[in-house]
C-alpha atoms as a PDB file:
ATOM      1  CA  MET A   1     127.306   6.133  81.641  1.00  0.00           C
ATOM      2  CA  SER A   2     125.105   5.994  78.564  1.00  0.00           C
ATOM      3  CA  GLU A   3     125.434   3.917  75.427  1.00  0.00           C
ATOM      4  CA  PRO A   4     127.128   5.564  72.417  1.00  0.00           C
ATOM      5  CA  PHE A   5     124.607   6.937  69.913  1.00  0.00           C
ATOM      6  CA  LEU A   6     125.786   6.758  66.290  1.00  0.00           C
ATOM      7  CA  ILE A   7     125.174   9.864  64.181  1.00  0.00           C
ATOM      8  CA  ARG A   8     127.134   8.848  61.078  1.00  0.00           C
ATOM      9  CA  THR A   9     130.314   7.220  59.834  1.00  0.00           C
ATOM     10  CA  THR A  10     132.902   9.399  58.105  1.00  0.00           C
ATOM     11  CA  GLN A  11     134.217   8.610  54.622  1.00  0.00           C
ATOM     12  CA  ASP A  12     137.342   7.092  56.172  1.00  0.00           C
ATOM     13  CA  GLY A  13     135.291   4.806  58.438  1.00  0.00           C
ATOM     14  CA  ARG A  14     135.446   6.651  61.768  1.00  0.00           C
ATOM     15  CA  LYS A  15     132.286   6.834  63.859  1.00  0.00           C
ATOM     16  CA  VAL A  16     130.723  10.156  64.828  1.00  0.00           C
ATOM     17  CA  GLU A  17     128.802   9.431  68.033  1.00  0.00           C
ATOM     18  CA  VAL A  18     127.340  11.052  71.105  1.00  0.00           C
ATOM     19  CA  ILE A  19     128.967   9.490  74.159  1.00  0.00           C
ATOM     20  CA  ASP A  20     128.094  10.692  77.673  1.00  0.00           C
ATOM     21  CA  GLY A  21     126.908  14.083  76.440  1.00  0.00           C
ATOM     22  CA  TRP A  22     129.864  14.671  74.098  1.00  0.00           C
ATOM     23  CA  ILE A  23     130.015  14.555  70.325  1.00  0.00           C
ATOM     24  CA  CYS A  24     132.940  12.244  69.608  1.00  0.00           C
ATOM     25  CA  LEU A  25     134.957  11.285  66.558  1.00  0.00           C
ATOM     26  CA  ALA A  26     136.369   7.762  66.783  1.00  0.00           C
ATOM     27  CA  GLY A  27     135.752   7.849  70.540  1.00  0.00           C
ATOM     28  CA  ALA A  28     137.643  11.128  71.113  1.00  0.00           C
ATOM     29  CA  ARG A  29     135.687  14.104  72.447  1.00  0.00           C
ATOM     30  CA  GLU A  30     135.118  16.944  69.969  1.00  0.00           C
ATOM     31  CA  ALA A  31     132.414  19.153  71.514  1.00  0.00           C
ATOM     32  CA  ASP A  32     129.578  19.167  74.018  1.00  0.00           C
ATOM     33  CA  SER A  33     127.246  21.336  71.915  1.00  0.00           C
ATOM     34  CA  LEU A  34     126.337  22.215  68.354  1.00  0.00           C
ATOM     35  CA  ILE A  35     126.954  25.646  66.873  1.00  0.00           C
ATOM     36  CA  PRO A  36     124.748  26.925  64.034  1.00  0.00           C
ATOM     37  CA  LEU A  37     126.961  27.522  61.028  1.00  0.00           C
ATOM     38  CA  GLU A  38     126.018  31.208  60.781  1.00  0.00           C
ATOM     39  CA  GLU A  39     127.554  31.705  64.260  1.00  0.00           C
ATOM     40  CA  HIS A  40     130.740  29.734  63.552  1.00  0.00           C
ATOM     41  CA  PRO A  41     133.909  31.819  63.032  1.00  0.00           C
ATOM     42  CA  ASN A  42     135.046  29.581  60.143  1.00  0.00           C
ATOM     43  CA  ARG A  43     131.652  29.313  58.419  1.00  0.00           C
ATOM     44  CA  GLN A  44     132.863  30.207  54.908  1.00  0.00           C
ATOM     45  CA  ALA A  45     135.483  27.467  54.795  1.00  0.00           C
ATOM     46  CA  ILE A  46     133.033  24.923  56.235  1.00  0.00           C
ATOM     47  CA  SER A  47     130.364  25.873  53.697  1.00  0.00           C
ATOM     48  CA  GLN A  48     132.820  25.474  50.829  1.00  0.00           C
ATOM     49  CA  ALA A  49     134.174  22.153  52.087  1.00  0.00           C
ATOM     50  CA  VAL A  50     130.793  20.663  53.065  1.00  0.00           C
ATOM     51  CA  PRO A  51     127.893  22.065  51.044  1.00  0.00           C
ATOM     52  CA  GLY A  52     124.668  21.612  52.980  1.00  0.00           C
ATOM     53  CA  ALA A  53     126.278  21.901  56.416  1.00  0.00           C
ATOM     54  CA  THR A  54     124.079  23.822  58.877  1.00  0.00           C
ATOM     55  CA  HIS A  55     125.874  23.166  62.186  1.00  0.00           C
ATOM     56  CA  ALA A  56     129.325  22.333  63.510  1.00  0.00           C
ATOM     57  CA  ALA A  57     130.655  20.641  66.627  1.00  0.00           C
ATOM     58  CA  GLY A  58     134.366  21.096  67.056  1.00  0.00           C
ATOM     59  CA  ARG A  59     135.834  20.235  63.663  1.00  0.00           C
ATOM     60  CA  LEU A  60     132.800  18.201  62.586  1.00  0.00           C
ATOM     61  CA  PRO A  61     130.247  19.710  60.181  1.00  0.00           C
ATOM     62  CA  PHE A  62     126.642  18.466  60.267  1.00  0.00           C
ATOM     63  CA  THR A  63     123.708  18.654  57.890  1.00  0.00           C
ATOM     64  CA  HIS A  64     120.353  19.714  59.288  1.00  0.00           C
ATOM     65  CA  GLU A  65     119.240  16.081  59.711  1.00  0.00           C
ATOM     66  CA  GLU A  66     122.485  15.030  61.412  1.00  0.00           C
ATOM     67  CA  ALA A  67     122.350  18.076  63.692  1.00  0.00           C
ATOM     68  CA  ALA A  68     118.803  17.151  64.747  1.00  0.00           C
ATOM     69  CA  ILE A  69     119.920  13.610  65.581  1.00  0.00           C
ATOM     70  CA  ALA A  70     122.976  14.861  67.480  1.00  0.00           C
ATOM     71  CA  GLN A  71     120.967  17.457  69.429  1.00  0.00           C
ATOM     72  CA  SER A  72     118.401  14.838  70.384  1.00  0.00           C
ATOM     73  CA  ALA A  73     121.141  12.504  71.659  1.00  0.00           C
ATOM     74  CA  LEU A  74     122.837  15.365  73.556  1.00  0.00           C
ATOM     75  CA  SER A  75     119.530  16.314  75.185  1.00  0.00           C
ATOM     76  CA  ALA A  76     118.849  12.705  76.158  1.00  0.00           C
ATOM     77  CA  ALA A  77     122.316  12.430  77.719  1.00  0.00           C
ATOM     78  CA  LYS A  78     121.738  15.586  79.780  1.00  0.00           C
ATOM     79  CA  ARG A  79     118.466  14.186  81.146  1.00  0.00           C
ATOM     80  CA  ILE A  80     120.338  11.295  82.731  1.00  0.00           C
ATOM     81  CA  PHE A  81     121.011  12.382  86.301  1.00  0.00           C
ATOM     82  CA  ASP A  82     124.013  11.010  88.170  1.00  0.00           C
ATOM     83  CA  ALA A  83     123.075  11.257  91.849  1.00  0.00           C
ATOM     84  CA  SER A  84     126.508  10.202  93.112  1.00  0.00           C
ATOM     85  CA  PRO A  85     128.633  12.775  94.953  1.00  0.00           C
ATOM     86  CA  SER A  86     130.966  13.090  91.943  1.00  0.00           C
ATOM     87  CA  GLY A  87     127.993  13.509  89.584  1.00  0.00           C
ATOM     88  CA  ILE A  88     126.517  16.271  91.730  1.00  0.00           C
ATOM     89  CA  THR A  89     129.927  17.964  91.982  1.00  0.00           C
ATOM     90  CA  GLN A  90     130.263  17.860  88.212  1.00  0.00           C
ATOM     91  CA  ARG A  91     126.798  19.420  87.706  1.00  0.00           C
ATOM     92  CA  LEU A  92     127.637  22.188  90.196  1.00  0.00           C
ATOM     93  CA  ARG A  93     130.960  22.830  88.468  1.00  0.00           C
ATOM     94  CA  HIS A  94     129.186  23.180  85.109  1.00  0.00           C
ATOM     95  CA  ALA A  95     126.602  25.535  86.612  1.00  0.00           C
ATOM     96  CA  VAL A  96     129.281  27.771  88.157  1.00  0.00           C
ATOM     97  CA  TRP A  97     131.211  27.941  84.861  1.00  0.00           C
ATOM     98  CA  ALA A  98     128.029  28.671  82.874  1.00  0.00           C
ATOM     99  CA  LYS A  99     127.168  31.522  85.258  1.00  0.00           C
ATOM    100  CA  ALA A 100     130.699  32.911  85.074  1.00  0.00           C
ATOM    101  CA  ALA A 101     130.671  32.730  81.267  1.00  0.00           C
ATOM    102  CA  ALA A 102     127.294  34.500  81.150  1.00  0.00           C
ATOM    103  CA  GLU A 103     128.780  37.283  83.274  1.00  0.00           C
ATOM    104  CA  GLY A 104     131.699  37.730  80.884  1.00  0.00           C
ATOM    105  CA  VAL A 105     134.450  35.627  82.474  1.00  0.00           C
ATOM    106  CA  GLU A 106     136.419  33.650  79.906  1.00  0.00           C
END
């Protein structure tokens, strides 16, 4: 388990952090990856609400600088290897789902 990595604090005081490979808002998981805004299905509303946003993770918009910080923290979390049986099972489960998604299974 890795230490939380602070990306920013929202206007209402909640922390946006990367915790164990997840982007979290106030400790609750939002997403495990960033989506460039031009690929996001709700990009127009996000752009109007948050000028300067370039990426999104769940319902959280990010500027270019925040996205770079978040991506760096996500990459660092993925480099941590859990060699326990449950950690290996989890990595295999993710690999199987990624392969299935690449083949068109939803």
